[in-house]
């Protein structure tokens, strides 16, 4: 009999989940903007990969701040 142990999410997945929660928060949704920072325990390459993936979306703008944060802005296209 084999038992399956749920493995912890990979570091990149944890980062993506954390940022998704920030973007999906009611405050961010209302203002269509979110401010994110890389945590000390998150890999810079994971951070850069996530930012690239976010930037690929239409209607999304990233702005790098002097304090290390990245401001994400988005617009919701009008339905035709």
PDB file of N, CA and C in Angstrom:
ATOM      1  N   UNK A   1       0.844  -1.187   0.000  1.00  0.00           N
ATOM      2  CA  UNK A   1       0.000   0.000   0.000  1.00  0.00           C
ATOM      3  C   UNK A   1       0.888   1.250   0.000  1.00  0.00           C
ATOM      4  N   UNK A   2       0.647   2.115  -0.946  1.00  0.00           N
ATOM      5  CA  UNK A   2       1.468   3.322  -1.010  1.00  0.00           C
ATOM      6  C   UNK A   2       0.665   4.520  -0.537  1.00  0.00           C
ATOM      7  N   UNK A   3       1.356   5.415   0.117  1.00  0.00           N
ATOM      8  CA  UNK A   3       0.701   6.640   0.560  1.00  0.00           C
ATOM      9  C   UNK A   3       1.281   7.801  -0.228  1.00  0.00           C
ATOM     10  N   UNK A   4       0.440   8.704  -0.630  1.00  0.00           N
ATOM     11  CA  UNK A   4       0.929   9.879  -1.343  1.00  0.00           C
ATOM     12  C   UNK A   4       0.959  11.045  -0.375  1.00  0.00           C
ATOM     13  N   UNK A   5       2.086  11.700  -0.332  1.00  0.00           N
ATOM     14  CA  UNK A   5       2.256  12.857   0.532  1.00  0.00           C
ATOM     15  C   UNK A   5       2.194  14.091  -0.354  1.00  0.00           C
ATOM     16  N   UNK A   6       1.335  15.009  -0.009  1.00  0.00           N
ATOM     17  CA  UNK A   6       1.239  16.246  -0.776  1.00  0.00           C
ATOM     18  C   UNK A   6       2.522  17.036  -0.565  1.00  0.00           C
ATOM     19  N   UNK A   7       3.208  17.314  -1.645  1.00  0.00           N
ATOM     20  CA  UNK A   7       4.451  18.064  -1.509  1.00  0.00           C
ATOM     21  C   UNK A   7       4.142  19.552  -1.382  1.00  0.00           C
ATOM     22  N   UNK A   8       5.004  20.240  -0.706  1.00  0.00           N
ATOM     23  CA  UNK A   8       4.841  21.686  -0.543  1.00  0.00           C
ATOM     24  C   UNK A   8       5.021  22.339  -1.904  1.00  0.00           C
ATOM     25  N   UNK A   9       4.339  23.453  -2.142  1.00  0.00           N
ATOM     26  CA  UNK A   9       4.514  24.126  -3.430  1.00  0.00           C
ATOM     27  C   UNK A   9       5.965  24.575  -3.625  1.00  0.00           C
ATOM     28  N   UNK A  10       6.398  24.552  -4.853  1.00  0.00           N
ATOM     29  CA  UNK A  10       7.752  25.008  -5.184  1.00  0.00           C
ATOM     30  C   UNK A  10       7.860  26.502  -4.866  1.00  0.00           C
ATOM     31  N   UNK A  11       9.089  26.988  -4.668  1.00  0.00           N
ATOM     32  CA  UNK A  11       9.265  28.413  -4.342  1.00  0.00           C
ATOM     33  C   UNK A  11       8.585  29.341  -5.355  1.00  0.00           C
ATOM     34  N   UNK A  12       8.682  29.015  -6.646  1.00  0.00           N
ATOM     35  CA  UNK A  12       8.044  29.869  -7.656  1.00  0.00           C
ATOM     36  C   UNK A  12       6.529  29.869  -7.469  1.00  0.00           C
ATOM     37  N   UNK A  13       5.951  28.698  -7.192  1.00  0.00           N
ATOM     38  CA  UNK A  13       4.503  28.606  -6.985  1.00  0.00           C
ATOM     39  C   UNK A  13       4.074  29.418  -5.764  1.00  0.00           C
ATOM     40  N   UNK A  14       4.860  29.357  -4.692  1.00  0.00           N
ATOM     41  CA  UNK A  14       4.528  30.147  -3.493  1.00  0.00           C
ATOM     42  C   UNK A  14       4.538  31.645  -3.816  1.00  0.00           C
ATOM     43  N   UNK A  15       5.546  32.069  -4.574  1.00  0.00           N
ATOM     44  CA  UNK A  15       5.648  33.467  -4.988  1.00  0.00           C
ATOM     45  C   UNK A  15       4.429  33.852  -5.827  1.00  0.00           C
ATOM     46  N   UNK A  16       4.083  33.022  -6.803  1.00  0.00           N
ATOM     47  CA  UNK A  16       2.955  33.316  -7.690  1.00  0.00           C
ATOM     48  C   UNK A  16       1.649  33.396  -6.900  1.00  0.00           C
ATOM     49  N   UNK A  17       1.451  32.490  -5.965  1.00  0.00           N
ATOM     50  CA  UNK A  17       0.239  32.493  -5.135  1.00  0.00           C
ATOM     51  C   UNK A  17       0.176  33.764  -4.295  1.00  0.00           C
ATOM     52  N   UNK A  18       1.318  34.150  -3.704  1.00  0.00           N
ATOM     53  CA  UNK A  18       1.365  35.359  -2.870  1.00  0.00           C
ATOM     54  C   UNK A  18       1.013  36.596  -3.689  1.00  0.00           C
ATOM     55  N   UNK A  19       1.601  36.733  -4.869  1.00  0.00           N
ATOM     56  CA  UNK A  19       1.347  37.900  -5.708  1.00  0.00           C
ATOM     57  C   UNK A  19      -0.089  37.882  -6.224  1.00  0.00           C
ATOM     58  N   UNK A  20      -0.601  36.696  -6.556  1.00  0.00           N
ATOM     59  CA  UNK A  20      -1.984  36.587  -7.030  1.00  0.00           C
ATOM     60  C   UNK A  20      -2.963  37.071  -5.961  1.00  0.00           C
ATOM     61  N   UNK A  21      -2.683  36.738  -4.700  1.00  0.00           N
ATOM     62  CA  UNK A  21      -3.551  37.195  -3.607  1.00  0.00           C
ATOM     63  C   UNK A  21      -3.551  38.723  -3.514  1.00  0.00           C
ATOM     64  N   UNK A  22      -2.382  39.337  -3.702  1.00  0.00           N
ATOM     65  CA  UNK A  22      -2.285  40.796  -3.647  1.00  0.00           C
ATOM     66  C   UNK A  22      -3.098  41.411  -4.793  1.00  0.00           C
ATOM     67  N   UNK A  23      -2.912  40.874  -6.001  1.00  0.00           N
ATOM     68  CA  UNK A  23      -3.604  41.408  -7.176  1.00  0.00           C
ATOM     69  C   UNK A  23      -5.114  41.204  -7.060  1.00  0.00           C
ATOM     70  N   UNK A  24      -5.530  40.090  -6.481  1.00  0.00           N
ATOM     71  CA  UNK A  24      -6.961  39.784  -6.380  1.00  0.00           C
ATOM     72  C   UNK A  24      -7.641  40.416  -5.173  1.00  0.00           C
ATOM     73  N   UNK A  25      -6.884  41.125  -4.344  1.00  0.00           N
ATOM     74  CA  UNK A  25      -7.483  41.739  -3.159  1.00  0.00           C
ATOM     75  C   UNK A  25      -8.507  42.792  -3.599  1.00  0.00           C
ATOM     76  N   UNK A  26      -9.557  42.989  -2.808  1.00  0.00           N
ATOM     77  CA  UNK A  26     -10.582  43.981  -3.183  1.00  0.00           C
ATOM     78  C   UNK A  26     -10.015  45.377  -3.422  1.00  0.00           C
ATOM     79  N   UNK A  27      -9.044  45.782  -2.617  1.00  0.00           N
ATOM     80  CA  UNK A  27      -8.446  47.110  -2.776  1.00  0.00           C
ATOM     81  C   UNK A  27      -7.755  47.234  -4.131  1.00  0.00           C
ATOM     82  N   UNK A  28      -6.963  46.219  -4.492  1.00  0.00           N
ATOM     83  CA  UNK A  28      -6.258  46.253  -5.775  1.00  0.00           C
ATOM     84  C   UNK A  28      -7.243  46.199  -6.936  1.00  0.00           C
ATOM     85  N   UNK A  29      -8.265  45.377  -6.811  1.00  0.00           N
ATOM     86  CA  UNK A  29      -9.249  45.264  -7.884  1.00  0.00           C
ATOM     87  C   UNK A  29      -9.992  46.583  -8.094  1.00  0.00           C
ATOM     88  N   UNK A  30     -10.289  47.265  -6.995  1.00  0.00           N
ATOM     89  CA  UNK A  30     -11.017  48.536  -7.091  1.00  0.00           C
ATOM     90  C   UNK A  30     -10.161  49.607  -7.770  1.00  0.00           C
ATOM     91  N   UNK A  31      -8.882  49.662  -7.406  1.00  0.00           N
ATOM     92  CA  UNK A  31      -8.002  50.692  -7.965  1.00  0.00           C
ATOM     93  C   UNK A  31      -7.319  50.246  -9.250  1.00  0.00           C
ATOM     94  N   UNK A  32      -7.472  48.968  -9.585  1.00  0.00           N
ATOM     95  CA  UNK A  32      -6.801  48.365 -10.746  1.00  0.00           C
ATOM     96  C   UNK A  32      -5.297  48.605 -10.695  1.00  0.00           C
ATOM     97  N   UNK A  33      -4.755  48.443  -9.489  1.00  0.00           N
ATOM     98  CA  UNK A  33      -3.320  48.609  -9.283  1.00  0.00           C
ATOM     99  C   UNK A  33      -2.899  47.797  -8.063  1.00  0.00           C
ATOM    100  N   UNK A  34      -1.662  47.330  -8.093  1.00  0.00           N
ATOM    101  CA  UNK A  34      -1.123  46.588  -6.951  1.00  0.00           C
ATOM    102  C   UNK A  34       0.359  46.892  -6.852  1.00  0.00           C
ATOM    103  N   UNK A  35       0.849  46.921  -5.628  1.00  0.00           N
ATOM    104  CA  UNK A  35       2.270  47.148  -5.377  1.00  0.00           C
ATOM    105  C   UNK A  35       2.837  45.867  -4.794  1.00  0.00           C
ATOM    106  N   UNK A  36       3.860  45.329  -5.450  1.00  0.00           N
ATOM    107  CA  UNK A  36       4.459  44.081  -4.972  1.00  0.00           C
ATOM    108  C   UNK A  36       5.947  44.280  -4.724  1.00  0.00           C
ATOM    109  N   UNK A  37       6.442  43.521  -3.773  1.00  0.00           N
ATOM    110  CA  UNK A  37       7.864  43.518  -3.432  1.00  0.00           C
ATOM    111  C   UNK A  37       8.349  42.080  -3.387  1.00  0.00           C
ATOM    112  N   UNK A  38       9.603  41.866  -3.764  1.00  0.00           N
ATOM    113  CA  UNK A  38      10.198  40.536  -3.625  1.00  0.00           C
ATOM    114  C   UNK A  38      10.611  40.359  -2.176  1.00  0.00           C
ATOM    115  N   UNK A  39      10.219  39.232  -1.581  1.00  0.00           N
ATOM    116  CA  UNK A  39      10.604  38.931  -0.207  1.00  0.00           C
ATOM    117  C   UNK A  39      12.055  38.435  -0.185  1.00  0.00           C
ATOM    118  N   UNK A  40      12.704  38.579   0.942  1.00  0.00           N
ATOM    119  CA  UNK A  40      14.121  38.226   1.070  1.00  0.00           C
ATOM    120  C   UNK A  40      14.387  36.757   0.738  1.00  0.00           C
ATOM    121  N   UNK A  41      13.406  35.877   1.020  1.00  0.00           N
ATOM    122  CA  UNK A  41      13.628  34.442   0.775  1.00  0.00           C
ATOM    123  C   UNK A  41      13.200  33.990  -0.619  1.00  0.00           C
ATOM    124  N   UNK A  42      12.787  34.926  -1.468  1.00  0.00           N
ATOM    125  CA  UNK A  42      12.365  34.571  -2.821  1.00  0.00           C
ATOM    126  C   UNK A  42      13.517  34.800  -3.795  1.00  0.00           C
ATOM    127  N   UNK A  43      13.712  33.855  -4.696  1.00  0.00           N
ATOM    128  CA  UNK A  43      14.813  33.926  -5.647  1.00  0.00           C
ATOM    129  C   UNK A  43      14.575  35.036  -6.668  1.00  0.00           C
ATOM    130  N   UNK A  44      15.637  35.746  -6.994  1.00  0.00           N
ATOM    131  CA  UNK A  44      15.519  36.835  -7.966  1.00  0.00           C
ATOM    132  C   UNK A  44      15.092  36.302  -9.326  1.00  0.00           C
ATOM    133  N   UNK A  45      15.571  35.101  -9.705  1.00  0.00           N
ATOM    134  CA  UNK A  45      15.177  34.569 -11.021  1.00  0.00           C
ATOM    135  C   UNK A  45      13.694  34.216 -11.051  1.00  0.00           C
ATOM    136  N   UNK A  46      13.148  33.716  -9.928  1.00  0.00           N
ATOM    137  CA  UNK A  46      11.703  33.446  -9.856  1.00  0.00           C
ATOM    138  C   UNK A  46      10.931  34.759  -9.979  1.00  0.00           C
ATOM    139  N   UNK A  47      11.401  35.775  -9.272  1.00  0.00           N
ATOM    140  CA  UNK A  47      10.771  37.101  -9.287  1.00  0.00           C
ATOM    141  C   UNK A  47      10.750  37.656 -10.709  1.00  0.00           C
ATOM    142  N   UNK A  48      11.909  37.601 -11.390  1.00  0.00           N
ATOM    143  CA  UNK A  48      12.003  38.126 -12.755  1.00  0.00           C
ATOM    144  C   UNK A  48      11.097  37.354 -13.709  1.00  0.00           C
ATOM    145  N   UNK A  49      11.030  36.024 -13.530  1.00  0.00           N
ATOM    146  CA  UNK A  49      10.160  35.200 -14.379  1.00  0.00           C
ATOM    147  C   UNK A  49       8.698  35.601 -14.179  1.00  0.00           C
ATOM    148  N   UNK A  50       8.301  35.786 -12.927  1.00  0.00           N
ATOM    149  CA  UNK A  50       6.917  36.165 -12.648  1.00  0.00           C
ATOM    150  C   UNK A  50       6.592  37.527 -13.264  1.00  0.00           C
ATOM    151  N   UNK A  51       7.499  38.492 -13.117  1.00  0.00           N
ATOM    152  CA  UNK A  51       7.266  39.825 -13.682  1.00  0.00           C
ATOM    153  C   UNK A  51       7.149  39.763 -15.202  1.00  0.00           C
ATOM    154  N   UNK A  52       7.984  38.923 -15.844  1.00  0.00           N
ATOM    155  CA  UNK A  52       7.898  38.765 -17.298  1.00  0.00           C
ATOM    156  C   UNK A  52       6.536  38.221 -17.692  1.00  0.00           C
ATOM    157  N   UNK A  53       6.059  37.223 -16.950  1.00  0.00           N
ATOM    158  CA  UNK A  53       4.766  36.617 -17.261  1.00  0.00           C
ATOM    159  C   UNK A  53       3.623  37.618 -17.054  1.00  0.00           C
ATOM    160  N   UNK A  54       3.716  38.427 -16.006  1.00  0.00           N
ATOM    161  CA  UNK A  54       2.689  39.448 -15.767  1.00  0.00           C
ATOM    162  C   UNK A  54       2.712  40.468 -16.906  1.00  0.00           C
ATOM    163  N   UNK A  55       3.914  40.893 -17.303  1.00  0.00           N
ATOM    164  CA  UNK A  55       4.067  41.927 -18.326  1.00  0.00           C
ATOM    165  C   UNK A  55       3.554  41.471 -19.690  1.00  0.00           C
ATOM    166  N   UNK A  56       3.517  40.157 -19.942  1.00  0.00           N
ATOM    167  CA  UNK A  56       3.042  39.635 -21.229  1.00  0.00           C
ATOM    168  C   UNK A  56       1.542  39.833 -21.427  1.00  0.00           C
ATOM    169  N   UNK A  57       0.824  40.081 -20.351  1.00  0.00           N
ATOM    170  CA  UNK A  57      -0.622  40.254 -20.450  1.00  0.00           C
ATOM    171  C   UNK A  57      -0.960  41.582 -21.110  1.00  0.00           C
ATOM    172  N   UNK A  58      -1.986  41.557 -21.957  1.00  0.00           N
ATOM    173  CA  UNK A  58      -2.480  42.797 -22.554  1.00  0.00           C
ATOM    174  C   UNK A  58      -3.057  43.662 -21.448  1.00  0.00           C
ATOM    175  N   UNK A  59      -3.027  44.958 -21.639  1.00  0.00           N
ATOM    176  CA  UNK A  59      -3.645  45.920 -20.718  1.00  0.00           C
ATOM    177  C   UNK A  59      -2.975  45.984 -19.342  1.00  0.00           C
ATOM    178  N   UNK A  60      -1.733  45.507 -19.246  1.00  0.00           N
ATOM    179  CA  UNK A  60      -1.001  45.537 -17.974  1.00  0.00           C
ATOM    180  C   UNK A  60       0.263  46.371 -18.146  1.00  0.00           C
ATOM    181  N   UNK A  61       0.538  47.222 -17.169  1.00  0.00           N
ATOM    182  CA  UNK A  61       1.744  48.048 -17.172  1.00  0.00           C
ATOM    183  C   UNK A  61       2.493  47.805 -15.865  1.00  0.00           C
ATOM    184  N   UNK A  62       3.800  47.636 -15.952  1.00  0.00           N
ATOM    185  CA  UNK A  62       4.638  47.495 -14.756  1.00  0.00           C
ATOM    186  C   UNK A  62       5.488  48.753 -14.620  1.00  0.00           C
ATOM    187  N   UNK A  63       5.636  49.230 -13.382  1.00  0.00           N
ATOM    188  CA  UNK A  63       6.485  50.391 -13.101  1.00  0.00           C
ATOM    189  C   UNK A  63       7.405  50.041 -11.943  1.00  0.00           C
ATOM    190  N   UNK A  64       8.717  50.063 -12.203  1.00  0.00           N
ATOM    191  CA  UNK A  64       9.699  49.759 -11.159  1.00  0.00           C
ATOM    192  C   UNK A  64       9.933  50.995 -10.317  1.00  0.00           C
ATOM    193  N   UNK A  65       9.906  50.812  -9.009  1.00  0.00           N
ATOM    194  CA  UNK A  65      10.072  51.928  -8.082  1.00  0.00           C
ATOM    195  C   UNK A  65      11.478  51.919  -7.482  1.00  0.00           C
ATOM    196  N   UNK A  66      11.896  53.085  -6.993  1.00  0.00           N
ATOM    197  CA  UNK A  66      13.230  53.216  -6.398  1.00  0.00           C
ATOM    198  C   UNK A  66      13.393  52.365  -5.140  1.00  0.00           C
ATOM    199  N   UNK A  67      12.282  52.060  -4.471  1.00  0.00           N
ATOM    200  CA  UNK A  67      12.374  51.285  -3.227  1.00  0.00           C
ATOM    201  C   UNK A  67      12.390  49.772  -3.477  1.00  0.00           C
ATOM    202  N   UNK A  68      12.463  49.363  -4.747  1.00  0.00           N
ATOM    203  CA  UNK A  68      12.527  47.942  -5.065  1.00  0.00           C
ATOM    204  C   UNK A  68      11.178  47.323  -5.377  1.00  0.00           C
ATOM    205  N   UNK A  69      10.122  48.053  -5.126  1.00  0.00           N
ATOM    206  CA  UNK A  69       8.793  47.536  -5.426  1.00  0.00           C
ATOM    207  C   UNK A  69       8.466  47.657  -6.906  1.00  0.00           C
ATOM    208  N   UNK A  70       7.458  46.902  -7.312  1.00  0.00           N
ATOM    209  CA  UNK A  70       6.962  46.997  -8.680  1.00  0.00           C
ATOM    210  C   UNK A  70       5.469  47.292  -8.600  1.00  0.00           C
ATOM    211  N   UNK A  71       5.076  48.390  -9.221  1.00  0.00           N
ATOM    212  CA  UNK A  71       3.663  48.764  -9.263  1.00  0.00           C
ATOM    213  C   UNK A  71       3.072  48.145 -10.528  1.00  0.00           C
ATOM    214  N   UNK A  72       1.961  47.446 -10.366  1.00  0.00           N
ATOM    215  CA  UNK A  72       1.261  46.835 -11.491  1.00  0.00           C
ATOM    216  C   UNK A  72      -0.041  47.617 -11.696  1.00  0.00           C
ATOM    217  N   UNK A  73      -0.256  48.050 -12.918  1.00  0.00           N
ATOM    218  CA  UNK A  73      -1.496  48.737 -13.279  1.00  0.00           C
ATOM    219  C   UNK A  73      -2.167  47.931 -14.373  1.00  0.00           C
ATOM    220  N   UNK A  74      -3.482  47.884 -14.372  1.00  0.00           N
ATOM    221  CA  UNK A  74      -4.177  47.216 -15.459  1.00  0.00           C
ATOM    222  C   UNK A  74      -5.479  47.917 -15.773  1.00  0.00           C
ATOM    223  N   UNK A  75      -5.905  47.716 -17.004  1.00  0.00           N
ATOM    224  CA  UNK A  75      -7.197  48.239 -17.426  1.00  0.00           C
ATOM    225  C   UNK A  75      -8.060  47.055 -17.802  1.00  0.00           C
ATOM    226  N   UNK A  76      -9.344  47.227 -17.639  1.00  0.00           N
ATOM    227  CA  UNK A  76     -10.298  46.189 -18.024  1.00  0.00           C
ATOM    228  C   UNK A  76     -10.930  46.656 -19.323  1.00  0.00           C
ATOM    229  N   UNK A  77     -10.700  45.895 -20.411  1.00  0.00           N
ATOM    230  CA  UNK A  77     -11.264  46.335 -21.691  1.00  0.00           C
ATOM    231  C   UNK A  77     -12.787  46.356 -21.652  1.00  0.00           C
ATOM    232  N   UNK A  78     -13.360  47.310 -22.351  1.00  0.00           N
ATOM    233  CA  UNK A  78     -14.829  47.403 -22.425  1.00  0.00           C
ATOM    234  C   UNK A  78     -15.360  46.245 -23.264  1.00  0.00           C
ATOM    235  N   UNK A  79     -16.461  45.697 -22.805  1.00  0.00           N
ATOM    236  CA  UNK A  79     -17.110  44.628 -23.583  1.00  0.00           C
ATOM    237  C   UNK A  79     -17.789  45.253 -24.799  1.00  0.00           C
ATOM    238  N   UNK A  80     -17.612  44.619 -25.948  1.00  0.00           N
ATOM    239  CA  UNK A  80     -18.273  45.121 -27.156  1.00  0.00           C
ATOM    240  C   UNK A  80     -19.732  44.715 -27.206  1.00  0.00           C
TER     241      UNK A  80
END
